[in-house]
C-alpha atoms as a PDB file:
ATOM      1  CA  MET A   1      -5.854  15.490  17.912  1.00  0.00           C
ATOM      2  CA  LYS A   2      -5.647  15.293  14.125  1.00  0.00           C
ATOM      3  CA  LYS A   3      -3.020  12.973  12.686  1.00  0.00           C
ATOM      4  CA  TRP A   4      -4.185  12.797   9.064  1.00  0.00           C
ATOM      5  CA  TYR A   5      -2.027  15.790   8.131  1.00  0.00           C
ATOM      6  CA  ASN A   6       1.217  13.886   8.817  1.00  0.00           C
ATOM      7  CA  LYS A   7       0.780  11.491   5.893  1.00  0.00           C
ATOM      8  CA  LEU A   8      -1.053  13.970   3.686  1.00  0.00           C
ATOM      9  CA  PHE A   9       1.489  16.806   3.750  1.00  0.00           C
ATOM     10  CA  LEU A  10       3.383  17.528   6.993  1.00  0.00           C
ATOM     11  CA  ASN A  11       5.874  14.679   6.540  1.00  0.00           C
ATOM     12  CA  ASN A  12       6.748  16.063   3.099  1.00  0.00           C
ATOM     13  CA  ILE A  13       7.348  19.486   4.608  1.00  0.00           C
ATOM     14  CA  ARG A  14       9.584  17.950   7.275  1.00  0.00           C
ATOM     15  CA  LYS A  15      11.446  16.146   4.488  1.00  0.00           C
ATOM     16  CA  ALA A  16      12.079  19.406   2.619  1.00  0.00           C
ATOM     17  CA  VAL A  17      13.151  21.164   5.829  1.00  0.00           C
ATOM     18  CA  ASP A  18      15.567  18.337   6.684  1.00  0.00           C
ATOM     19  CA  ASN A  19      16.923  17.743   3.159  1.00  0.00           C
ATOM     20  CA  PHE A  20      17.800  21.384   2.562  1.00  0.00           C
ATOM     21  CA  SER A  21      18.212  22.750   6.122  1.00  0.00           C
ATOM     22  CA  LEU A  22      15.416  25.253   5.536  1.00  0.00           C
ATOM     23  CA  ILE A  23      14.642  26.017   9.192  1.00  0.00           C
ATOM     24  CA  GLN A  24      16.847  26.089  12.289  1.00  0.00           C
ATOM     25  CA  ASN A  25      16.167  26.805  15.938  1.00  0.00           C
ATOM     26  CA  GLY A  26      15.967  30.537  16.585  1.00  0.00           C
ATOM     27  CA  ASP A  27      14.813  31.488  13.088  1.00  0.00           C
ATOM     28  CA  LYS A  28      12.362  34.330  12.679  1.00  0.00           C
ATOM     29  CA  ILE A  29      10.427  33.601   9.487  1.00  0.00           C
ATOM     30  CA  LEU A  30       8.322  36.063   7.544  1.00  0.00           C
ATOM     31  CA  VAL A  31       5.546  34.424   5.493  1.00  0.00           C
ATOM     32  CA  GLY A  32       4.415  36.404   2.475  1.00  0.00           C
ATOM     33  CA  LEU A  33       0.604  36.223   2.454  1.00  0.00           C
ATOM     34  CA  SER A  34      -0.884  37.106  -0.921  1.00  0.00           C
ATOM     35  CA  GLY A  35      -4.358  36.100   0.172  1.00  0.00           C
ATOM     36  CA  GLY A  36      -4.409  32.998  -2.017  1.00  0.00           C
ATOM     37  CA  LYS A  37      -4.517  29.304  -1.148  1.00  0.00           C
ATOM     38  CA  ASP A  38      -0.782  28.589  -1.354  1.00  0.00           C
ATOM     39  CA  SER A  39       0.377  31.223   1.115  1.00  0.00           C
ATOM     40  CA  ILE A  40      -2.381  30.584   3.672  1.00  0.00           C
ATOM     41  CA  PHE A  41      -1.614  26.856   3.488  1.00  0.00           C
ATOM     42  CA  LEU A  42       2.064  27.668   4.047  1.00  0.00           C
ATOM     43  CA  LEU A  43       1.231  29.688   7.163  1.00  0.00           C
ATOM     44  CA  TYR A  44      -1.040  26.933   8.452  1.00  0.00           C
ATOM     45  CA  SER A  45       1.613  24.269   7.798  1.00  0.00           C
ATOM     46  CA  LEU A  46       4.488  26.165   9.399  1.00  0.00           C
ATOM     47  CA  ASN A  47       2.358  26.754  12.474  1.00  0.00           C
ATOM     48  CA  LEU A  48       1.672  22.994  12.646  1.00  0.00           C
ATOM     49  CA  LEU A  49       5.369  22.270  12.205  1.00  0.00           C
ATOM     50  CA  LYS A  50       6.295  24.743  14.931  1.00  0.00           C
ATOM     51  CA  ASN A  51       3.852  23.136  17.379  1.00  0.00           C
ATOM     52  CA  ARG A  52       4.627  19.519  16.476  1.00  0.00           C
ATOM     53  CA  SER A  53       8.378  19.270  16.002  1.00  0.00           C
ATOM     54  CA  TYR A  54      11.673  19.832  17.788  1.00  0.00           C
ATOM     55  CA  LEU A  55      12.198  23.099  15.927  1.00  0.00           C
ATOM     56  CA  ASP A  56      11.820  26.355  17.837  1.00  0.00           C
ATOM     57  CA  PHE A  57      11.183  29.300  15.520  1.00  0.00           C
ATOM     58  CA  ASP A  58       8.936  32.350  15.229  1.00  0.00           C
ATOM     59  CA  ILE A  59       6.469  33.195  12.450  1.00  0.00           C
ATOM     60  CA  LEU A  60       5.213  36.546  11.162  1.00  0.00           C
ATOM     61  CA  GLY A  61       2.715  37.106   8.364  1.00  0.00           C
ATOM     62  CA  ALA A  62       2.886  39.993   5.892  1.00  0.00           C
ATOM     63  CA  HIS A  63       0.641  41.124   3.053  1.00  0.00           C
ATOM     64  CA  ILE A  64       1.739  43.561   0.357  1.00  0.00           C
ATOM     65  CA  ASP A  65      -1.303  45.682  -0.482  1.00  0.00           C
ATOM     66  CA  LEU A  66      -1.083  46.394  -4.230  1.00  0.00           C
ATOM     67  CA  ASN A  67      -3.991  48.866  -4.049  1.00  0.00           C
ATOM     68  CA  LEU A  68      -6.223  46.579  -6.136  1.00  0.00           C
ATOM     69  CA  GLY A  69      -9.144  46.434  -3.705  1.00  0.00           C
ATOM     70  CA  VAL A  70      -8.294  43.155  -1.964  1.00  0.00           C
ATOM     71  CA  ASN A  71      -9.811  42.586   1.490  1.00  0.00           C
ATOM     72  CA  VAL A  72      -7.468  40.607   3.768  1.00  0.00           C
ATOM     73  CA  THR A  73      -9.563  40.833   6.936  1.00  0.00           C
ATOM     74  CA  PRO A  74     -10.133  37.034   6.925  1.00  0.00           C
ATOM     75  CA  ILE A  75      -6.347  36.537   6.817  1.00  0.00           C
ATOM     76  CA  LYS A  76      -5.819  38.986   9.668  1.00  0.00           C
ATOM     77  CA  ASP A  77      -8.438  37.231  11.795  1.00  0.00           C
ATOM     78  CA  PHE A  78      -6.837  33.839  11.119  1.00  0.00           C
ATOM     79  CA  CYS A  79      -3.407  35.132  12.156  1.00  0.00           C
ATOM     80  CA  ASN A  80      -4.937  36.483  15.356  1.00  0.00           C
ATOM     81  CA  GLU A  81      -6.405  33.046  16.099  1.00  0.00           C
ATOM     82  CA  LEU A  82      -2.928  31.516  15.749  1.00  0.00           C
ATOM     83  CA  ASN A  83      -1.249  34.345  17.714  1.00  0.00           C
ATOM     84  CA  ILE A  84       0.852  35.182  14.675  1.00  0.00           C
ATOM     85  CA  PRO A  85       1.661  38.887  14.089  1.00  0.00           C
ATOM     86  CA  PHE A  86       0.210  40.167  10.800  1.00  0.00           C
ATOM     87  CA  ILE A  87       1.586  43.173   8.929  1.00  0.00           C
ATOM     88  CA  VAL A  88       0.021  44.981   5.962  1.00  0.00           C
ATOM     89  CA  GLU A  89       2.296  47.127   3.768  1.00  0.00           C
ATOM     90  CA  LYS A  90       0.314  49.542   1.591  1.00  0.00           C
ATOM     91  CA  THR A  91       1.853  50.273  -1.829  1.00  0.00           C
ATOM     92  CA  ASP A  92       0.980  51.638  -5.260  1.00  0.00           C
ATOM     93  CA  ILE A  93       2.466  48.619  -7.050  1.00  0.00           C
ATOM     94  CA  GLY A  94      -0.859  47.797  -8.706  1.00  0.00           C
ATOM     95  CA  GLN A  95      -0.758  51.090 -10.599  1.00  0.00           C
ATOM     96  CA  ARG A  96       2.979  51.231 -11.279  1.00  0.00           C
ATOM     97  CA  ILE A  97       3.262  47.876 -13.039  1.00  0.00           C
ATOM     98  CA  PHE A  98       0.961  48.924 -15.889  1.00  0.00           C
ATOM     99  CA  ASN A  99       2.819  52.197 -16.493  1.00  0.00           C
ATOM    100  CA  SER A 100       6.058  50.537 -17.535  1.00  0.00           C
ATOM    101  CA  ASP A 101       7.556  48.989 -20.655  1.00  0.00           C
ATOM    102  CA  LYS A 102       8.473  45.882 -18.645  1.00  0.00           C
ATOM    103  CA  SER A 103       6.267  42.837 -18.202  1.00  0.00           C
ATOM    104  CA  PRO A 104       3.651  43.558 -15.497  1.00  0.00           C
ATOM    105  CA  CYS A 105       4.215  40.126 -13.925  1.00  0.00           C
ATOM    106  CA  TYR A 106       8.001  40.539 -13.839  1.00  0.00           C
ATOM    107  CA  LEU A 107       7.807  44.044 -12.394  1.00  0.00           C
ATOM    108  CA  CYS A 108       5.122  43.110  -9.849  1.00  0.00           C
ATOM    109  CA  SER A 109       7.175  40.180  -8.601  1.00  0.00           C
ATOM    110  CA  LYS A 110      10.302  42.333  -8.323  1.00  0.00           C
ATOM    111  CA  LEU A 111       8.550  45.155  -6.451  1.00  0.00           C
ATOM    112  CA  LYS A 112       6.713  42.783  -4.092  1.00  0.00           C
ATOM    113  CA  ARG A 113       9.958  41.017  -3.220  1.00  0.00           C
ATOM    114  CA  GLY A 114      11.580  44.326  -2.458  1.00  0.00           C
ATOM    115  CA  ALA A 115       8.687  45.289  -0.192  1.00  0.00           C
ATOM    116  CA  ILE A 116       8.628  41.947   1.624  1.00  0.00           C
ATOM    117  CA  SER A 117      12.394  42.152   2.148  1.00  0.00           C
ATOM    118  CA  ARG A 118      12.071  45.585   3.717  1.00  0.00           C
ATOM    119  CA  ILE A 119       9.433  44.260   6.120  1.00  0.00           C
ATOM    120  CA  ALA A 120      11.649  41.310   7.003  1.00  0.00           C
ATOM    121  CA  LYS A 121      14.557  43.598   7.885  1.00  0.00           C
ATOM    122  CA  LYS A 122      12.318  46.000   9.793  1.00  0.00           C
ATOM    123  CA  TYR A 123      11.001  43.204  12.036  1.00  0.00           C
ATOM    124  CA  ASN A 124      14.378  41.447  12.384  1.00  0.00           C
ATOM    125  CA  CYS A 125      13.440  38.345  10.409  1.00  0.00           C
ATOM    126  CA  ASN A 126      16.294  36.292   9.006  1.00  0.00           C
ATOM    127  CA  LYS A 127      14.204  34.224   6.595  1.00  0.00           C
ATOM    128  CA  ILE A 128      11.302  34.729   4.184  1.00  0.00           C
ATOM    129  CA  ALA A 129       9.076  31.758   3.330  1.00  0.00           C
ATOM    130  CA  PHE A 130       7.298  31.556  -0.018  1.00  0.00           C
ATOM    131  CA  GLY A 131       4.431  29.214  -0.924  1.00  0.00           C
ATOM    132  CA  HIS A 132       5.908  27.718  -4.084  1.00  0.00           C
ATOM    133  CA  HIS A 133       4.881  24.058  -4.185  1.00  0.00           C
ATOM    134  CA  LEU A 134       5.782  20.879  -6.085  1.00  0.00           C
ATOM    135  CA  THR A 135       3.531  21.738  -9.021  1.00  0.00           C
ATOM    136  CA  ASP A 136       5.214  25.167  -9.279  1.00  0.00           C
ATOM    137  CA  VAL A 137       8.596  23.415  -9.399  1.00  0.00           C
ATOM    138  CA  VAL A 138       7.452  21.266 -12.326  1.00  0.00           C
ATOM    139  CA  GLU A 139       5.846  24.174 -14.187  1.00  0.00           C
ATOM    140  CA  THR A 140       9.004  26.283 -13.807  1.00  0.00           C
ATOM    141  CA  PHE A 141      11.117  23.358 -15.036  1.00  0.00           C
ATOM    142  CA  LEU A 142       8.955  23.105 -18.176  1.00  0.00           C
ATOM    143  CA  LEU A 143       8.938  26.885 -18.690  1.00  0.00           C
ATOM    144  CA  ASN A 144      12.742  26.941 -18.636  1.00  0.00           C
ATOM    145  CA  LEU A 145      12.979  23.950 -20.958  1.00  0.00           C
ATOM    146  CA  ILE A 146      10.404  25.116 -23.517  1.00  0.00           C
ATOM    147  CA  TYR A 147      11.001  28.877 -23.578  1.00  0.00           C
ATOM    148  CA  THR A 148      14.720  29.233 -22.768  1.00  0.00           C
ATOM    149  CA  GLY A 149      16.149  25.846 -23.703  1.00  0.00           C
ATOM    150  CA  LYS A 150      17.625  25.359 -20.244  1.00  0.00           C
ATOM    151  CA  ILE A 151      17.292  22.604 -17.654  1.00  0.00           C
ATOM    152  CA  GLY A 152      16.558  23.977 -14.198  1.00  0.00           C
ATOM    153  CA  THR A 153      14.021  25.349 -11.758  1.00  0.00           C
ATOM    154  CA  PHE A 154      14.068  27.465  -8.581  1.00  0.00           C
ATOM    155  CA  LYS A 155      16.058  26.323  -5.546  1.00  0.00           C
ATOM    156  CA  PRO A 156      14.593  25.216  -2.184  1.00  0.00           C
ATOM    157  CA  ASN A 157      16.545  27.993  -0.481  1.00  0.00           C
ATOM    158  CA  THR A 158      18.499  31.029  -1.620  1.00  0.00           C
ATOM    159  CA  TYR A 159      20.695  33.343   0.427  1.00  0.00           C
ATOM    160  CA  ASN A 160      20.626  37.008  -0.556  1.00  0.00           C
ATOM    161  CA  THR A 161      24.035  38.347   0.458  1.00  0.00           C
ATOM    162  CA  LYS A 162      23.105  41.978  -0.230  1.00  0.00           C
ATOM    163  CA  LYS A 163      20.083  41.894   2.089  1.00  0.00           C
ATOM    164  CA  ASP A 164      21.369  39.187   4.450  1.00  0.00           C
ATOM    165  CA  LEU A 165      18.126  37.226   4.073  1.00  0.00           C
ATOM    166  CA  THR A 166      17.440  33.593   3.232  1.00  0.00           C
ATOM    167  CA  LEU A 167      14.472  32.731   1.034  1.00  0.00           C
ATOM    168  CA  ILE A 168      12.975  29.301   1.746  1.00  0.00           C
ATOM    169  CA  ARG A 169      10.316  27.193   0.017  1.00  0.00           C
ATOM    170  CA  PRO A 170       9.073  24.542   2.471  1.00  0.00           C
ATOM    171  CA  LEU A 171       6.281  23.273   0.172  1.00  0.00           C
ATOM    172  CA  ILE A 172       8.435  21.912  -2.656  1.00  0.00           C
ATOM    173  CA  TYR A 173       7.340  18.308  -1.954  1.00  0.00           C
ATOM    174  CA  VAL A 174       3.618  19.145  -1.616  1.00  0.00           C
ATOM    175  CA  ASN A 175       1.565  19.228  -4.825  1.00  0.00           C
ATOM    176  CA  GLU A 176      -1.172  21.705  -5.656  1.00  0.00           C
ATOM    177  CA  GLU A 177      -3.968  19.132  -5.412  1.00  0.00           C
ATOM    178  CA  THR A 178      -3.070  18.439  -1.791  1.00  0.00           C
ATOM    179  CA  ILE A 179      -3.032  22.145  -0.964  1.00  0.00           C
ATOM    180  CA  GLU A 180      -6.463  22.645  -2.513  1.00  0.00           C
ATOM    181  CA  LYS A 181      -7.791  19.663  -0.558  1.00  0.00           C
ATOM    182  CA  VAL A 182      -6.481  20.882   2.809  1.00  0.00           C
ATOM    183  CA  VAL A 183      -7.635  24.481   2.262  1.00  0.00           C
ATOM    184  CA  LYS A 184     -11.135  23.138   1.639  1.00  0.00           C
ATOM    185  CA  MET A 185     -11.085  20.577   4.471  1.00  0.00           C
ATOM    186  CA  GLU A 186      -9.824  23.063   7.041  1.00  0.00           C
ATOM    187  CA  SER A 187     -11.828  26.026   5.695  1.00  0.00           C
ATOM    188  CA  LEU A 188      -8.663  28.117   5.541  1.00  0.00           C
ATOM    189  CA  PRO A 189      -9.481  31.786   4.825  1.00  0.00           C
ATOM    190  CA  LEU A 190      -8.764  33.480   1.531  1.00  0.00           C
ATOM    191  CA  ALA A 191      -8.675  37.179   0.711  1.00  0.00           C
ATOM    192  CA  LYS A 192     -11.775  38.748  -0.804  1.00  0.00           C
ATOM    193  CA  GLY A 193     -12.040  41.200  -3.670  1.00  0.00           C
ATOM    194  CA  SER A 194     -10.596  41.672  -7.130  1.00  0.00           C
ATOM    195  CA  LYS A 195      -8.121  39.259  -8.698  1.00  0.00           C
ATOM    196  CA  CYS A 196      -4.907  40.077 -10.517  1.00  0.00           C
ATOM    197  CA  PRO A 197      -5.696  41.680 -13.923  1.00  0.00           C
ATOM    198  CA  MET A 198      -3.203  39.257 -15.504  1.00  0.00           C
ATOM    199  CA  ASP A 199      -4.862  36.175 -14.004  1.00  0.00           C
ATOM    200  CA  LYS A 200      -4.822  33.232 -16.456  1.00  0.00           C
ATOM    201  CA  GLN A 201      -3.069  35.283 -19.163  1.00  0.00           C
ATOM    202  CA  THR A 202       0.510  34.101 -18.631  1.00  0.00           C
ATOM    203  CA  LYS A 203       2.801  31.397 -19.981  1.00  0.00           C
ATOM    204  CA  ARG A 204       2.532  29.673 -16.609  1.00  0.00           C
ATOM    205  CA  GLU A 205      -1.144  29.012 -17.364  1.00  0.00           C
ATOM    206  CA  GLU A 206       0.001  27.187 -20.492  1.00  0.00           C
ATOM    207  CA  MET A 207       2.267  25.056 -18.316  1.00  0.00           C
ATOM    208  CA  LYS A 208      -0.590  24.310 -15.917  1.00  0.00           C
ATOM    209  CA  THR A 209      -2.603  22.916 -18.828  1.00  0.00           C
ATOM    210  CA  LEU A 210       0.398  20.960 -20.086  1.00  0.00           C
ATOM    211  CA  VAL A 211       1.097  19.439 -16.661  1.00  0.00           C
ATOM    212  CA  LYS A 212      -2.577  18.507 -16.266  1.00  0.00           C
ATOM    213  CA  ASN A 213      -2.570  16.744 -19.645  1.00  0.00           C
ATOM    214  CA  LEU A 214       0.688  14.916 -18.885  1.00  0.00           C
ATOM    215  CA  LYS A 215      -0.668  13.787 -15.509  1.00  0.00           C
ATOM    216  CA  ASN A 216      -3.689  12.318 -17.276  1.00  0.00           C
ATOM    217  CA  LEU A 217      -1.282  10.153 -19.257  1.00  0.00           C
ATOM    218  CA  TYR A 218       1.300   9.619 -16.502  1.00  0.00           C
ATOM    219  CA  PRO A 219      -0.243  10.053 -13.012  1.00  0.00           C
ATOM    220  CA  ASP A 220       3.164  10.235 -11.306  1.00  0.00           C
ATOM    221  CA  PHE A 221       4.592  12.758 -13.796  1.00  0.00           C
ATOM    222  CA  GLU A 222       5.196  15.489 -11.193  1.00  0.00           C
ATOM    223  CA  GLU A 223       6.981  13.118  -8.824  1.00  0.00           C
ATOM    224  CA  LYS A 224       9.152  11.811 -11.666  1.00  0.00           C
ATOM    225  CA  VAL A 225      10.233  15.362 -12.584  1.00  0.00           C
ATOM    226  CA  ILE A 226      11.158  16.072  -8.953  1.00  0.00           C
ATOM    227  CA  SER A 227      13.118  12.824  -8.835  1.00  0.00           C
ATOM    228  CA  GLY A 228      14.912  13.736 -12.062  1.00  0.00           C
ATOM    229  CA  ILE A 229      15.869  17.177 -10.739  1.00  0.00           C
ATOM    230  CA  GLN A 230      17.518  15.527  -7.724  1.00  0.00           C
ATOM    231  CA  ASN A 231      19.120  12.588  -9.590  1.00  0.00           C
ATOM    232  CA  ILE A 232      21.046  14.084 -12.487  1.00  0.00           C
ATOM    233  CA  ASP A 233      23.160  11.675 -14.538  1.00  0.00           C
ATOM    234  CA  LEU A 234      26.081  13.922 -15.479  1.00  0.00           C
ATOM    235  CA  ASP A 235      27.575  11.241 -17.762  1.00  0.00           C
ATOM    236  CA  LYS A 236      24.571  11.547 -20.072  1.00  0.00           C
ATOM    237  CA  LEU A 237      24.519  15.344 -20.332  1.00  0.00           C
ATOM    238  CA  TRP A 238      26.145  17.155 -23.250  1.00  0.00           C
ATOM    239  CA  ILE A 239      28.708  19.172 -21.345  1.00  0.00           C
ATOM    240  CA  LYS A 240      31.008  21.216 -23.588  1.00  0.00           C
ATOM    241  CA  ARG A 241      34.705  20.871 -22.818  1.00  0.00           C
END
């Protein structure tokens, strides 16, 4: 039985789950599977957690088909191997996002979240898990700081009162390098076909380059940002009275 995953990533996922009460017994969790490395790693990790912890919860996988020619058969086969139900929701989102005055990335994200929420309600899921990881946390922190002048990032969990769904991010303590390593080591399947037309054309790509450069200077930069987010010194902030 493999034990290497405990130190490499599973203990960090347990830490996130425990610190922020992300998963409880009886949860039915829908995992949004884009076909990329982050979401397939999330599915793989949650299945490990389910089989190797005290928590008793169910997992479903769902892919939102944007009609961009992506083949998710490898993802479907992997879910079958794990005995995890896999749902594909066909949409025309891929065409709609480029026929609008709004940012394609913003609109795509909004429409996909709406679709994944509808699937969650249809299959009686109470939580949706997203594959945002530690590096995403840091990049979002820098995006907010540089482009909006605000200090903050996304939360580990968010409750949507309107839809009665909780969004969770179990990978917030796992960095992107670790995910890439495990996906390669375990030969986790990825979707085949065309990539997003906006791939590598966003401000987030700028942040990826910035984080990479900062890590070359300060190897523990990502961990320090995460520590700072959780250890705010209110006495040293400029709070208007």
